[in-house]
Amino acid sequence: QVQLVESGGGLVQAGGSLRLSCAASGIIFSINTMGWYRQAPGKQRELVASITYTSSTSYAALLKGRFTISRDNAKSTVYLQMNSLKPEDTAVYYCKASSPSGTSYWGKGTLVTVSS
């Protein structure tokens, strides 16, 4: 089993920045890809960004340039740097870890609220 704990969410004004962290514990050697997803009220959960163990990254097209995903394998932690935040970025942000076999693990989420 893998446990994921997100942190760093909060209230920020439009144009501001936040850095989310997701710390993994448990059978972490089984983790390959880690990613951030978000779910706004009344909407489906969507991919924000993902990163492989070797730090190959992928982003939602509309977010690339404002958001940056990174990871510290020594700390089993993945980060999401969010800049130039907009009110439409308001959502619960979830961390996801995936093993090579396809097993997925989710954190409980952290709320990001961007005020206009």
PDB file of N, CA and C in Angstrom:
ATOM      1  N   GLN A   1       0.835  -1.192   0.000  1.00  0.00           N
ATOM      2  CA  GLN A   1       0.000   0.000   0.000  1.00  0.00           C
ATOM      3  C   GLN A   1       0.867   1.237   0.000  1.00  0.00           C
ATOM      4  N   VAL A   2       0.327   2.272  -0.579  1.00  0.00           N
ATOM      5  CA  VAL A   2       0.986   3.574  -0.624  1.00  0.00           C
ATOM      6  C   VAL A   2       0.026   4.607  -0.037  1.00  0.00           C
ATOM      7  N   GLN A   3       0.552   5.444   0.814  1.00  0.00           N
ATOM      8  CA  GLN A   3      -0.237   6.544   1.370  1.00  0.00           C
ATOM      9  C   GLN A   3       0.301   7.851   0.810  1.00  0.00           C
ATOM     10  N   LEU A   4      -0.608   8.723   0.443  1.00  0.00           N
ATOM     11  CA  LEU A   4      -0.254  10.025  -0.116  1.00  0.00           C
ATOM     12  C   LEU A   4      -0.897  11.126   0.708  1.00  0.00           C
ATOM     13  N   VAL A   5      -0.115  12.114   1.066  1.00  0.00           N
ATOM     14  CA  VAL A   5      -0.625  13.234   1.855  1.00  0.00           C
ATOM     15  C   VAL A   5      -0.266  14.527   1.148  1.00  0.00           C
ATOM     16  N   GLU A   6      -1.294  15.249   0.737  1.00  0.00           N
ATOM     17  CA  GLU A   6      -1.090  16.534   0.072  1.00  0.00           C
ATOM     18  C   GLU A   6      -1.065  17.667   1.092  1.00  0.00           C
ATOM     19  N   SER A   7      -0.355  18.729   0.752  1.00  0.00           N
ATOM     20  CA  SER A   7      -0.342  19.930   1.577  1.00  0.00           C
ATOM     21  C   SER A   7      -0.035  21.126   0.685  1.00  0.00           C
ATOM     22  N   GLY A   8      -0.247  22.313   1.246  1.00  0.00           N
ATOM     23  CA  GLY A   8       0.103  23.529   0.534  1.00  0.00           C
ATOM     24  C   GLY A   8      -1.056  24.288  -0.061  1.00  0.00           C
ATOM     25  N   GLY A   9      -2.249  23.732   0.010  1.00  0.00           N
ATOM     26  CA  GLY A   9      -3.402  24.445  -0.522  1.00  0.00           C
ATOM     27  C   GLY A   9      -3.775  25.615   0.380  1.00  0.00           C
ATOM     28  N   GLY A  10      -4.701  26.429  -0.112  1.00  0.00           N
ATOM     29  CA  GLY A  10      -5.139  27.571   0.675  1.00  0.00           C
ATOM     30  C   GLY A  10      -5.814  28.606  -0.190  1.00  0.00           C
ATOM     31  N   LEU A  11      -5.973  29.781   0.385  1.00  0.00           N
ATOM     32  CA  LEU A  11      -6.620  30.898  -0.303  1.00  0.00           C
ATOM     33  C   LEU A  11      -5.557  31.855  -0.824  1.00  0.00           C
ATOM     34  N   VAL A  12      -5.662  32.200  -2.084  1.00  0.00           N
ATOM     35  CA  VAL A  12      -4.701  33.111  -2.693  1.00  0.00           C
ATOM     36  C   VAL A  12      -5.443  34.042  -3.647  1.00  0.00           C
ATOM     37  N   GLN A  13      -4.928  35.233  -3.805  1.00  0.00           N
ATOM     38  CA  GLN A  13      -5.541  36.171  -4.743  1.00  0.00           C
ATOM     39  C   GLN A  13      -5.131  35.838  -6.173  1.00  0.00           C
ATOM     40  N   ALA A  14      -5.964  36.221  -7.109  1.00  0.00           N
ATOM     41  CA  ALA A  14      -5.637  36.019  -8.515  1.00  0.00           C
ATOM     42  C   ALA A  14      -4.287  36.664  -8.834  1.00  0.00           C
ATOM     43  N   GLY A  15      -3.484  35.933  -9.593  1.00  0.00           N
ATOM     44  CA  GLY A  15      -2.146  36.387  -9.920  1.00  0.00           C
ATOM     45  C   GLY A  15      -1.079  35.872  -8.978  1.00  0.00           C
ATOM     46  N   GLY A  16      -1.517  35.303  -7.872  1.00  0.00           N
ATOM     47  CA  GLY A  16      -0.579  34.786  -6.880  1.00  0.00           C
ATOM     48  C   GLY A  16      -0.077  33.391  -7.211  1.00  0.00           C
ATOM     49  N   SER A  17       0.704  32.848  -6.286  1.00  0.00           N
ATOM     50  CA  SER A  17       1.326  31.538  -6.481  1.00  0.00           C
ATOM     51  C   SER A  17       1.108  30.650  -5.267  1.00  0.00           C
ATOM     52  N   LEU A  18       1.110  29.371  -5.506  1.00  0.00           N
ATOM     53  CA  LEU A  18       1.087  28.376  -4.441  1.00  0.00           C
ATOM     54  C   LEU A  18       1.957  27.202  -4.861  1.00  0.00           C
ATOM     55  N   ARG A  19       2.485  26.518  -3.868  1.00  0.00           N
ATOM     56  CA  ARG A  19       3.254  25.307  -4.126  1.00  0.00           C
ATOM     57  C   ARG A  19       2.643  24.170  -3.340  1.00  0.00           C
ATOM     58  N   LEU A  20       2.151  23.192  -4.058  1.00  0.00           N
ATOM     59  CA  LEU A  20       1.575  22.018  -3.430  1.00  0.00           C
ATOM     60  C   LEU A  20       2.644  20.937  -3.285  1.00  0.00           C
ATOM     61  N   SER A  21       2.521  20.163  -2.215  1.00  0.00           N
ATOM     62  CA  SER A  21       3.415  19.039  -1.987  1.00  0.00           C
ATOM     63  C   SER A  21       2.587  17.783  -1.768  1.00  0.00           C
ATOM     64  N   CYS A  22       3.157  16.663  -2.174  1.00  0.00           N
ATOM     65  CA  CYS A  22       2.513  15.370  -1.947  1.00  0.00           C
ATOM     66  C   CYS A  22       3.593  14.404  -1.495  1.00  0.00           C
ATOM     67  N   ALA A  23       3.492  13.974  -0.250  1.00  0.00           N
ATOM     68  CA  ALA A  23       4.467  13.054   0.316  1.00  0.00           C
ATOM     69  C   ALA A  23       3.910  11.639   0.283  1.00  0.00           C
ATOM     70  N   ALA A  24       4.711  10.733  -0.226  1.00  0.00           N
ATOM     71  CA  ALA A  24       4.312   9.329  -0.315  1.00  0.00           C
ATOM     72  C   ALA A  24       5.005   8.516   0.769  1.00  0.00           C
ATOM     73  N   SER A  25       4.298   7.549   1.288  1.00  0.00           N
ATOM     74  CA  SER A  25       4.867   6.633   2.266  1.00  0.00           C
ATOM     75  C   SER A  25       4.283   5.241   2.000  1.00  0.00           C
ATOM     76  N   GLY A  26       4.911   4.252   2.614  1.00  0.00           N
ATOM     77  CA  GLY A  26       4.449   2.890   2.394  1.00  0.00           C
ATOM     78  C   GLY A  26       5.356   2.188   1.410  1.00  0.00           C
ATOM     79  N   ILE A  27       4.779   1.398   0.526  1.00  0.00           N
ATOM     80  CA  ILE A  27       5.558   0.616  -0.440  1.00  0.00           C
ATOM     81  C   ILE A  27       5.906   1.523  -1.622  1.00  0.00           C
ATOM     82  N   ILE A  28       6.753   2.505  -1.373  1.00  0.00           N
ATOM     83  CA  ILE A  28       6.999   3.557  -2.353  1.00  0.00           C
ATOM     84  C   ILE A  28       7.852   3.104  -3.514  1.00  0.00           C
ATOM     85  N   PHE A  29       8.571   1.982  -3.355  1.00  0.00           N
ATOM     86  CA  PHE A  29       9.389   1.531  -4.474  1.00  0.00           C
ATOM     87  C   PHE A  29       8.516   1.112  -5.642  1.00  0.00           C
ATOM     88  N   SER A  30       7.242   0.891  -5.367  1.00  0.00           N
ATOM     89  CA  SER A  30       6.342   0.458  -6.424  1.00  0.00           C
ATOM     90  C   SER A  30       5.824   1.614  -7.262  1.00  0.00           C
ATOM     91  N   ILE A  31       6.144   2.825  -6.850  1.00  0.00           N
ATOM     92  CA  ILE A  31       5.634   4.002  -7.558  1.00  0.00           C
ATOM     93  C   ILE A  31       6.480   4.302  -8.781  1.00  0.00           C
ATOM     94  N   ASN A  32       5.807   4.553  -9.882  1.00  0.00           N
ATOM     95  CA  ASN A  32       6.504   5.007 -11.072  1.00  0.00           C
ATOM     96  C   ASN A  32       6.085   6.442 -11.364  1.00  0.00           C
ATOM     97  N   THR A  33       4.870   6.588 -11.846  1.00  0.00           N
ATOM     98  CA  THR A  33       4.393   7.916 -12.213  1.00  0.00           C
ATOM     99  C   THR A  33       3.600   8.536 -11.073  1.00  0.00           C
ATOM    100  N   MET A  34       3.823   9.802 -10.848  1.00  0.00           N
ATOM    101  CA  MET A  34       3.025  10.573  -9.890  1.00  0.00           C
ATOM    102  C   MET A  34       2.399  11.747 -10.626  1.00  0.00           C
ATOM    103  N   GLY A  35       1.268  12.141 -10.167  1.00  0.00           N
ATOM    104  CA  GLY A  35       0.584  13.211 -10.880  1.00  0.00           C
ATOM    105  C   GLY A  35      -0.323  14.017  -9.984  1.00  0.00           C
ATOM    106  N   TRP A  36      -0.729  15.141 -10.505  1.00  0.00           N
ATOM    107  CA  TRP A  36      -1.700  16.011  -9.852  1.00  0.00           C
ATOM    108  C   TRP A  36      -2.947  16.098 -10.715  1.00  0.00           C
ATOM    109  N   TYR A  37      -4.064  15.962 -10.066  1.00  0.00           N
ATOM    110  CA  TYR A  37      -5.360  16.125 -10.708  1.00  0.00           C
ATOM    111  C   TYR A  37      -6.123  17.183  -9.920  1.00  0.00           C
ATOM    112  N   ARG A  38      -7.154  17.714 -10.530  1.00  0.00           N
ATOM    113  CA  ARG A  38      -7.986  18.659  -9.794  1.00  0.00           C
ATOM    114  C   ARG A  38      -9.451  18.459 -10.149  1.00  0.00           C
ATOM    115  N   GLN A  39     -10.300  18.837  -9.209  1.00  0.00           N
ATOM    116  CA  GLN A  39     -11.737  18.730  -9.427  1.00  0.00           C
ATOM    117  C   GLN A  39     -12.409  19.979  -8.892  1.00  0.00           C
ATOM    118  N   ALA A  40     -12.970  20.737  -9.804  1.00  0.00           N
ATOM    119  CA  ALA A  40     -13.703  21.940  -9.434  1.00  0.00           C
ATOM    120  C   ALA A  40     -15.154  21.563  -9.126  1.00  0.00           C
ATOM    121  N   PRO A  41     -15.850  22.383  -8.367  1.00  0.00           N
ATOM    122  CA  PRO A  41     -17.244  22.083  -8.027  1.00  0.00           C
ATOM    123  C   PRO A  41     -18.094  21.858  -9.274  1.00  0.00           C
ATOM    124  N   GLY A  42     -18.796  20.746  -9.316  1.00  0.00           N
ATOM    125  CA  GLY A  42     -19.680  20.445 -10.430  1.00  0.00           C
ATOM    126  C   GLY A  42     -18.990  19.951 -11.680  1.00  0.00           C
ATOM    127  N   LYS A  43     -17.693  19.731 -11.591  1.00  0.00           N
ATOM    128  CA  LYS A  43     -16.945  19.281 -12.775  1.00  0.00           C
ATOM    129  C   LYS A  43     -16.252  17.959 -12.501  1.00  0.00           C
ATOM    130  N   GLN A  44     -15.828  17.321 -13.581  1.00  0.00           N
ATOM    131  CA  GLN A  44     -15.109  16.063 -13.454  1.00  0.00           C
ATOM    132  C   GLN A  44     -13.662  16.318 -13.067  1.00  0.00           C
ATOM    133  N   ARG A  45     -13.085  15.317 -12.442  1.00  0.00           N
ATOM    134  CA  ARG A  45     -11.665  15.399 -12.096  1.00  0.00           C
ATOM    135  C   ARG A  45     -10.854  15.388 -13.382  1.00  0.00           C
ATOM    136  N   GLU A  46      -9.839  16.252 -13.438  1.00  0.00           N
ATOM    137  CA  GLU A  46      -9.016  16.351 -14.642  1.00  0.00           C
ATOM    138  C   GLU A  46      -7.541  16.323 -14.306  1.00  0.00           C
ATOM    139  N   LEU A  47      -6.765  15.851 -15.250  1.00  0.00           N
ATOM    140  CA  LEU A  47      -5.321  15.804 -15.081  1.00  0.00           C
ATOM    141  C   LEU A  47      -4.734  17.207 -15.163  1.00  0.00           C
ATOM    142  N   VAL A  48      -3.863  17.500 -14.225  1.00  0.00           N
ATOM    143  CA  VAL A  48      -3.127  18.761 -14.261  1.00  0.00           C
ATOM    144  C   VAL A  48      -1.734  18.521 -14.835  1.00  0.00           C
ATOM    145  N   ALA A  49      -1.012  17.589 -14.236  1.00  0.00           N
ATOM    146  CA  ALA A  49       0.344  17.281 -14.684  1.00  0.00           C
ATOM    147  C   ALA A  49       0.755  15.938 -14.103  1.00  0.00           C
ATOM    148  N   SER A  50       1.709  15.296 -14.777  1.00  0.00           N
ATOM    149  CA  SER A  50       2.257  14.047 -14.267  1.00  0.00           C
ATOM    150  C   SER A  50       3.750  14.016 -14.510  1.00  0.00           C
ATOM    151  N   ILE A  51       4.436  13.166 -13.737  1.00  0.00           N
ATOM    152  CA  ILE A  51       5.874  13.064 -13.840  1.00  0.00           C
ATOM    153  C   ILE A  51       6.287  11.639 -13.550  1.00  0.00           C
ATOM    154  N   THR A  52       7.187  11.108 -14.382  1.00  0.00           N
ATOM    155  CA  THR A  52       7.653   9.749 -14.180  1.00  0.00           C
ATOM    156  C   THR A  52       8.820   9.730 -13.188  1.00  0.00           C
ATOM    157  N   TYR A  53       9.272   8.526 -12.850  1.00  0.00           N
ATOM    158  CA  TYR A  53      10.384   8.392 -11.898  1.00  0.00           C
ATOM    159  C   TYR A  53      11.633   9.080 -12.427  1.00  0.00           C
ATOM    160  N   THR A  54      11.786   9.091 -13.748  1.00  0.00           N
ATOM    161  CA  THR A  54      12.959   9.731 -14.355  1.00  0.00           C
ATOM    162  C   THR A  54      12.687  11.185 -14.740  1.00  0.00           C
ATOM    163  N   SER A  55      11.583  11.726 -14.202  1.00  0.00           N
ATOM    164  CA  SER A  55      11.237  13.142 -14.337  1.00  0.00           C
ATOM    165  C   SER A  55      10.813  13.564 -15.728  1.00  0.00           C
ATOM    166  N   SER A  56      10.276  12.657 -16.477  1.00  0.00           N
ATOM    167  CA  SER A  56       9.619  13.027 -17.727  1.00  0.00           C
ATOM    168  C   SER A  56       8.236  13.562 -17.377  1.00  0.00           C
ATOM    169  N   THR A  57       7.916  14.738 -17.882  1.00  0.00           N
ATOM    170  CA  THR A  57       6.686  15.415 -17.455  1.00  0.00           C
ATOM    171  C   THR A  57       5.659  15.519 -18.577  1.00  0.00           C
ATOM    172  N   SER A  58       4.420  15.666 -18.142  1.00  0.00           N
ATOM    173  CA  SER A  58       3.310  15.867 -19.063  1.00  0.00           C
ATOM    174  C   SER A  58       2.347  16.828 -18.400  1.00  0.00           C
ATOM    175  N   TYR A  59       1.767  17.735 -19.192  1.00  0.00           N
ATOM    176  CA  TYR A  59       0.875  18.757 -18.645  1.00  0.00           C
ATOM    177  C   TYR A  59      -0.425  18.843 -19.435  1.00  0.00           C
ATOM    178  N   ALA A  60      -1.473  19.263 -18.742  1.00  0.00           N
ATOM    179  CA  ALA A  60      -2.673  19.663 -19.450  1.00  0.00           C
ATOM    180  C   ALA A  60      -2.305  20.870 -20.303  1.00  0.00           C
ATOM    181  N   ALA A  61      -2.735  20.854 -21.534  1.00  0.00           N
ATOM    182  CA  ALA A  61      -2.293  21.860 -22.505  1.00  0.00           C
ATOM    183  C   ALA A  61      -2.535  23.291 -22.023  1.00  0.00           C
ATOM    184  N   LEU A  62      -3.674  23.525 -21.412  1.00  0.00           N
ATOM    185  CA  LEU A  62      -4.022  24.891 -21.026  1.00  0.00           C
ATOM    186  C   LEU A  62      -3.268  25.372 -19.796  1.00  0.00           C
ATOM    187  N   LEU A  63      -2.597  24.461 -19.090  1.00  0.00           N
ATOM    188  CA  LEU A  63      -1.921  24.835 -17.859  1.00  0.00           C
ATOM    189  C   LEU A  63      -0.413  24.939 -18.021  1.00  0.00           C
ATOM    190  N   LYS A  64       0.087  24.364 -19.083  1.00  0.00           N
ATOM    191  CA  LYS A  64       1.534  24.396 -19.295  1.00  0.00           C
ATOM    192  C   LYS A  64       1.998  25.835 -19.412  1.00  0.00           C
ATOM    193  N   GLY A  65       3.060  26.148 -18.690  1.00  0.00           N
ATOM    194  CA  GLY A  65       3.556  27.517 -18.684  1.00  0.00           C
ATOM    195  C   GLY A  65       3.271  28.230 -17.379  1.00  0.00           C
ATOM    196  N   ARG A  66       2.147  27.859 -16.746  1.00  0.00           N
ATOM    197  CA  ARG A  66       1.839  28.439 -15.442  1.00  0.00           C
ATOM    198  C   ARG A  66       2.124  27.464 -14.306  1.00  0.00           C
ATOM    199  N   PHE A  67       1.975  26.163 -14.572  1.00  0.00           N
ATOM    200  CA  PHE A  67       2.181  25.136 -13.559  1.00  0.00           C
ATOM    201  C   PHE A  67       3.436  24.334 -13.885  1.00  0.00           C
ATOM    202  N   THR A  68       4.162  23.954 -12.854  1.00  0.00           N
ATOM    203  CA  THR A  68       5.357  23.139 -13.013  1.00  0.00           C
ATOM    204  C   THR A  68       5.342  22.003 -12.013  1.00  0.00           C
ATOM    205  N   ILE A  69       5.480  20.783 -12.499  1.00  0.00           N
ATOM    206  CA  ILE A  69       5.536  19.612 -11.628  1.00  0.00           C
ATOM    207  C   ILE A  69       6.987  19.178 -11.476  1.00  0.00           C
ATOM    208  N   SER A  70       7.341  18.734 -10.288  1.00  0.00           N
ATOM    209  CA  SER A  70       8.686  18.228 -10.035  1.00  0.00           C
ATOM    210  C   SER A  70       8.595  17.172  -8.946  1.00  0.00           C
ATOM    211  N   ARG A  71       9.660  16.429  -8.776  1.00  0.00           N
ATOM    212  CA  ARG A  71       9.658  15.412  -7.737  1.00  0.00           C
ATOM    213  C   ARG A  71      11.048  15.267  -7.148  1.00  0.00           C
ATOM    214  N   ASP A  72      11.065  14.857  -5.897  1.00  0.00           N
ATOM    215  CA  ASP A  72      12.294  14.555  -5.169  1.00  0.00           C
ATOM    216  C   ASP A  72      12.186  13.094  -4.765  1.00  0.00           C
ATOM    217  N   ASN A  73      12.840  12.220  -5.503  1.00  0.00           N
ATOM    218  CA  ASN A  73      12.714  10.791  -5.229  1.00  0.00           C
ATOM    219  C   ASN A  73      13.291  10.418  -3.870  1.00  0.00           C
ATOM    220  N   ALA A  74      14.301  11.136  -3.426  1.00  0.00           N
ATOM    221  CA  ALA A  74      14.903  10.844  -2.119  1.00  0.00           C
ATOM    222  C   ALA A  74      13.900  11.108  -0.996  1.00  0.00           C
ATOM    223  N   LYS A  75      13.024  12.063  -1.215  1.00  0.00           N
ATOM    224  CA  LYS A  75      12.007  12.412  -0.214  1.00  0.00           C
ATOM    225  C   LYS A  75      10.650  11.804  -0.545  1.00  0.00           C
ATOM    226  N   SER A  76      10.575  11.080  -1.651  1.00  0.00           N
ATOM    227  CA  SER A  76       9.304  10.484  -2.094  1.00  0.00           C
ATOM    228  C   SER A  76       8.204  11.537  -2.139  1.00  0.00           C
ATOM    229  N   THR A  77       8.546  12.669  -2.678  1.00  0.00           N
ATOM    230  CA  THR A  77       7.623  13.809  -2.692  1.00  0.00           C
ATOM    231  C   THR A  77       7.530  14.389  -4.097  1.00  0.00           C
ATOM    232  N   VAL A  78       6.319  14.764  -4.472  1.00  0.00           N
ATOM    233  CA  VAL A  78       6.093  15.440  -5.735  1.00  0.00           C
ATOM    234  C   VAL A  78       5.511  16.816  -5.437  1.00  0.00           C
ATOM    235  N   TYR A  79       5.874  17.775  -6.245  1.00  0.00           N
ATOM    236  CA  TYR A  79       5.470  19.165  -6.024  1.00  0.00           C
ATOM    237  C   TYR A  79       4.715  19.690  -7.251  1.00  0.00           C
ATOM    238  N   LEU A  80       3.895  20.678  -6.987  1.00  0.00           N
ATOM    239  CA  LEU A  80       3.237  21.392  -8.075  1.00  0.00           C
ATOM    240  C   LEU A  80       3.348  22.880  -7.784  1.00  0.00           C
ATOM    241  N   GLN A  81       4.163  23.550  -8.565  1.00  0.00           N
ATOM    242  CA  GLN A  81       4.298  24.998  -8.449  1.00  0.00           C
ATOM    243  C   GLN A  81       3.276  25.642  -9.359  1.00  0.00           C
ATOM    244  N   MET A  82       2.412  26.461  -8.782  1.00  0.00           N
ATOM    245  CA  MET A  82       1.343  27.096  -9.545  1.00  0.00           C
ATOM    246  C   MET A  82       1.526  28.601  -9.493  1.00  0.00           C
ATOM    247  N   ASN A  83       1.712  29.190 -10.642  1.00  0.00           N
ATOM    248  CA  ASN A  83       1.915  30.636 -10.756  1.00  0.00           C
ATOM    249  C   ASN A  83       0.781  31.282 -11.541  1.00  0.00           C
ATOM    250  N   SER A  84       0.676  32.582 -11.407  1.00  0.00           N
ATOM    251  CA  SER A  84      -0.347  33.352 -12.131  1.00  0.00           C
ATOM    252  C   SER A  84      -1.720  32.711 -11.989  1.00  0.00           C
ATOM    253  N   LEU A  85      -2.067  32.404 -10.766  1.00  0.00           N
ATOM    254  CA  LEU A  85      -3.316  31.682 -10.521  1.00  0.00           C
ATOM    255  C   LEU A  85      -4.533  32.520 -10.906  1.00  0.00           C
ATOM    256  N   LYS A  86      -5.541  31.815 -11.382  1.00  0.00           N
ATOM    257  CA  LYS A  86      -6.780  32.433 -11.827  1.00  0.00           C
ATOM    258  C   LYS A  86      -7.946  31.874 -11.008  1.00  0.00           C
ATOM    259  N   PRO A  87      -9.027  32.606 -10.903  1.00  0.00           N
ATOM    260  CA  PRO A  87     -10.189  32.063 -10.165  1.00  0.00           C
ATOM    261  C   PRO A  87     -10.639  30.703 -10.687  1.00  0.00           C
ATOM    262  N   GLU A  88     -10.484  30.462 -11.969  1.00  0.00           N
ATOM    263  CA  GLU A  88     -10.898  29.165 -12.530  1.00  0.00           C
ATOM    264  C   GLU A  88      -9.973  28.015 -12.137  1.00  0.00           C
ATOM    265  N   ASP A  89      -8.873  28.331 -11.466  1.00  0.00           N
ATOM    266  CA  ASP A  89      -7.994  27.282 -10.931  1.00  0.00           C
ATOM    267  C   ASP A  89      -8.510  26.776  -9.583  1.00  0.00           C
ATOM    268  N   THR A  90      -9.536  27.399  -9.070  1.00  0.00           N
ATOM    269  CA  THR A  90     -10.107  26.957  -7.799  1.00  0.00           C
ATOM    270  C   THR A  90     -10.630  25.530  -7.925  1.00  0.00           C
ATOM    271  N   ALA A  91     -10.144  24.661  -7.042  1.00  0.00           N
ATOM    272  CA  ALA A  91     -10.498  23.241  -7.097  1.00  0.00           C
ATOM    273  C   ALA A  91      -9.858  22.516  -5.924  1.00  0.00           C
ATOM    274  N   VAL A  92     -10.263  21.284  -5.736  1.00  0.00           N
ATOM    275  CA  VAL A  92      -9.533  20.384  -4.854  1.00  0.00           C
ATOM    276  C   VAL A  92      -8.478  19.696  -5.714  1.00  0.00           C
ATOM    277  N   TYR A  93      -7.260  19.778  -5.255  1.00  0.00           N
ATOM    278  CA  TYR A  93      -6.139  19.192  -5.992  1.00  0.00           C
ATOM    279  C   TYR A  93      -5.762  17.870  -5.339  1.00  0.00           C
ATOM    280  N   TYR A  94      -5.698  16.832  -6.157  1.00  0.00           N
ATOM    281  CA  TYR A  94      -5.414  15.490  -5.677  1.00  0.00           C
ATOM    282  C   TYR A  94      -4.082  14.992  -6.233  1.00  0.00           C
ATOM    283  N   CYS A  95      -3.389  14.247  -5.417  1.00  0.00           N
ATOM    284  CA  CYS A  95      -2.156  13.593  -5.814  1.00  0.00           C
ATOM    285  C   CYS A  95      -2.481  12.141  -6.160  1.00  0.00           C
ATOM    286  N   LYS A  96      -1.850  11.654  -7.189  1.00  0.00           N
ATOM    287  CA  LYS A  96      -2.041  10.265  -7.615  1.00  0.00           C
ATOM    288  C   LYS A  96      -0.688   9.633  -7.866  1.00  0.00           C
ATOM    289  N   ALA A  97      -0.553   8.405  -7.394  1.00  0.00           N
ATOM    290  CA  ALA A  97       0.656   7.638  -7.660  1.00  0.00           C
ATOM    291  C   ALA A  97       0.261   6.349  -8.371  1.00  0.00           C
ATOM    292  N   SER A  98       1.057   5.969  -9.341  1.00  0.00           N
ATOM    293  CA  SER A  98       0.759   4.771 -10.110  1.00  0.00           C
ATOM    294  C   SER A  98       1.968   3.857 -10.136  1.00  0.00           C
ATOM    295  N   SER A  99       1.701   2.571 -10.035  1.00  0.00           N
ATOM    296  CA  SER A  99       2.773   1.591 -10.123  1.00  0.00           C
ATOM    297  C   SER A  99       2.889   1.114 -11.568  1.00  0.00           C
ATOM    298  N   PRO A 100       4.008   0.495 -11.910  1.00  0.00           N
ATOM    299  CA  PRO A 100       4.159  -0.020 -13.280  1.00  0.00           C
ATOM    300  C   PRO A 100       3.075  -1.033 -13.660  1.00  0.00           C
ATOM    301  N   SER A 101       2.513  -1.714 -12.656  1.00  0.00           N
ATOM    302  CA  SER A 101       1.468  -2.702 -12.941  1.00  0.00           C
ATOM    303  C   SER A 101       0.116  -2.052 -13.185  1.00  0.00           C
ATOM    304  N   GLY A 102       0.044  -0.736 -12.927  1.00  0.00           N
ATOM    305  CA  GLY A 102      -1.204  -0.035 -13.173  1.00  0.00           C
ATOM    306  C   GLY A 102      -2.024   0.260 -11.933  1.00  0.00           C
ATOM    307  N   THR A 103      -1.562  -0.192 -10.780  1.00  0.00           N
ATOM    308  CA  THR A 103      -2.270   0.119  -9.535  1.00  0.00           C
ATOM    309  C   THR A 103      -2.143   1.606  -9.233  1.00  0.00           C
ATOM    310  N   SER A 104      -3.254   2.227  -8.865  1.00  0.00           N
ATOM    311  CA  SER A 104      -3.250   3.658  -8.579  1.00  0.00           C
ATOM    312  C   SER A 104      -3.621   3.925  -7.135  1.00  0.00           C
ATOM    313  N   TYR A 105      -3.021   4.966  -6.594  1.00  0.00           N
ATOM    314  CA  TYR A 105      -3.296   5.410  -5.238  1.00  0.00           C
ATOM    315  C   TYR A 105      -3.611   6.896  -5.283  1.00  0.00           C
ATOM    316  N   TRP A 106      -4.528   7.321  -4.429  1.00  0.00           N
ATOM    317  CA  TRP A 106      -4.942   8.722  -4.397  1.00  0.00           C
ATOM    318  C   TRP A 106      -4.798   9.299  -2.997  1.00  0.00           C
ATOM    319  N   GLY A 107      -4.447  10.568  -2.942  1.00  0.00           N
ATOM    320  CA  GLY A 107      -4.500  11.290  -1.693  1.00  0.00           C
ATOM    321  C   GLY A 107      -5.907  11.815  -1.462  1.00  0.00           C
ATOM    322  N   LYS A 108      -6.099  12.461  -0.309  1.00  0.00           N
ATOM    323  CA  LYS A 108      -7.423  12.966   0.035  1.00  0.00           C
ATOM    324  C   LYS A 108      -7.696  14.350  -0.543  1.00  0.00           C
ATOM    325  N   GLY A 109      -6.687  14.988  -1.046  1.00  0.00           N
ATOM    326  CA  GLY A 109      -6.860  16.270  -1.706  1.00  0.00           C
ATOM    327  C   GLY A 109      -6.564  17.457  -0.821  1.00  0.00           C
ATOM    328  N   THR A 110      -6.243  18.567  -1.461  1.00  0.00           N
ATOM    329  CA  THR A 110      -6.034  19.832  -0.775  1.00  0.00           C
ATOM    330  C   THR A 110      -6.747  20.925  -1.567  1.00  0.00           C
ATOM    331  N   LEU A 111      -7.455  21.779  -0.862  1.00  0.00           N
ATOM    332  CA  LEU A 111      -8.292  22.791  -1.520  1.00  0.00           C
ATOM    333  C   LEU A 111      -7.478  24.023  -1.861  1.00  0.00           C
ATOM    334  N   VAL A 112      -7.598  24.442  -3.106  1.00  0.00           N
ATOM    335  CA  VAL A 112      -7.009  25.693  -3.572  1.00  0.00           C
ATOM    336  C   VAL A 112      -8.146  26.627  -3.967  1.00  0.00           C
ATOM    337  N   THR A 113      -8.176  27.794  -3.365  1.00  0.00           N
ATOM    338  CA  THR A 113      -9.199  28.781  -3.677  1.00  0.00           C
ATOM    339  C   THR A 113      -8.512  30.051  -4.152  1.00  0.00           C
ATOM    340  N   VAL A 114      -8.865  30.488  -5.333  1.00  0.00           N
ATOM    341  CA  VAL A 114      -8.277  31.693  -5.915  1.00  0.00           C
ATOM    342  C   VAL A 114      -9.363  32.762  -5.985  1.00  0.00           C
ATOM    343  N   SER A 115      -9.131  33.843  -5.273  1.00  0.00           N
ATOM    344  CA  SER A 115     -10.115  34.928  -5.243  1.00  0.00           C
ATOM    345  C   SER A 115      -9.808  35.970  -6.313  1.00  0.00           C
ATOM    346  N   SER A 116     -10.862  36.571  -6.828  1.00  0.00           N
ATOM    347  CA  SER A 116     -10.682  37.571  -7.885  1.00  0.00           C
ATOM    348  C   SER A 116     -10.500  38.961  -7.311  1.00  0.00           C
TER     349      SER A 116
END
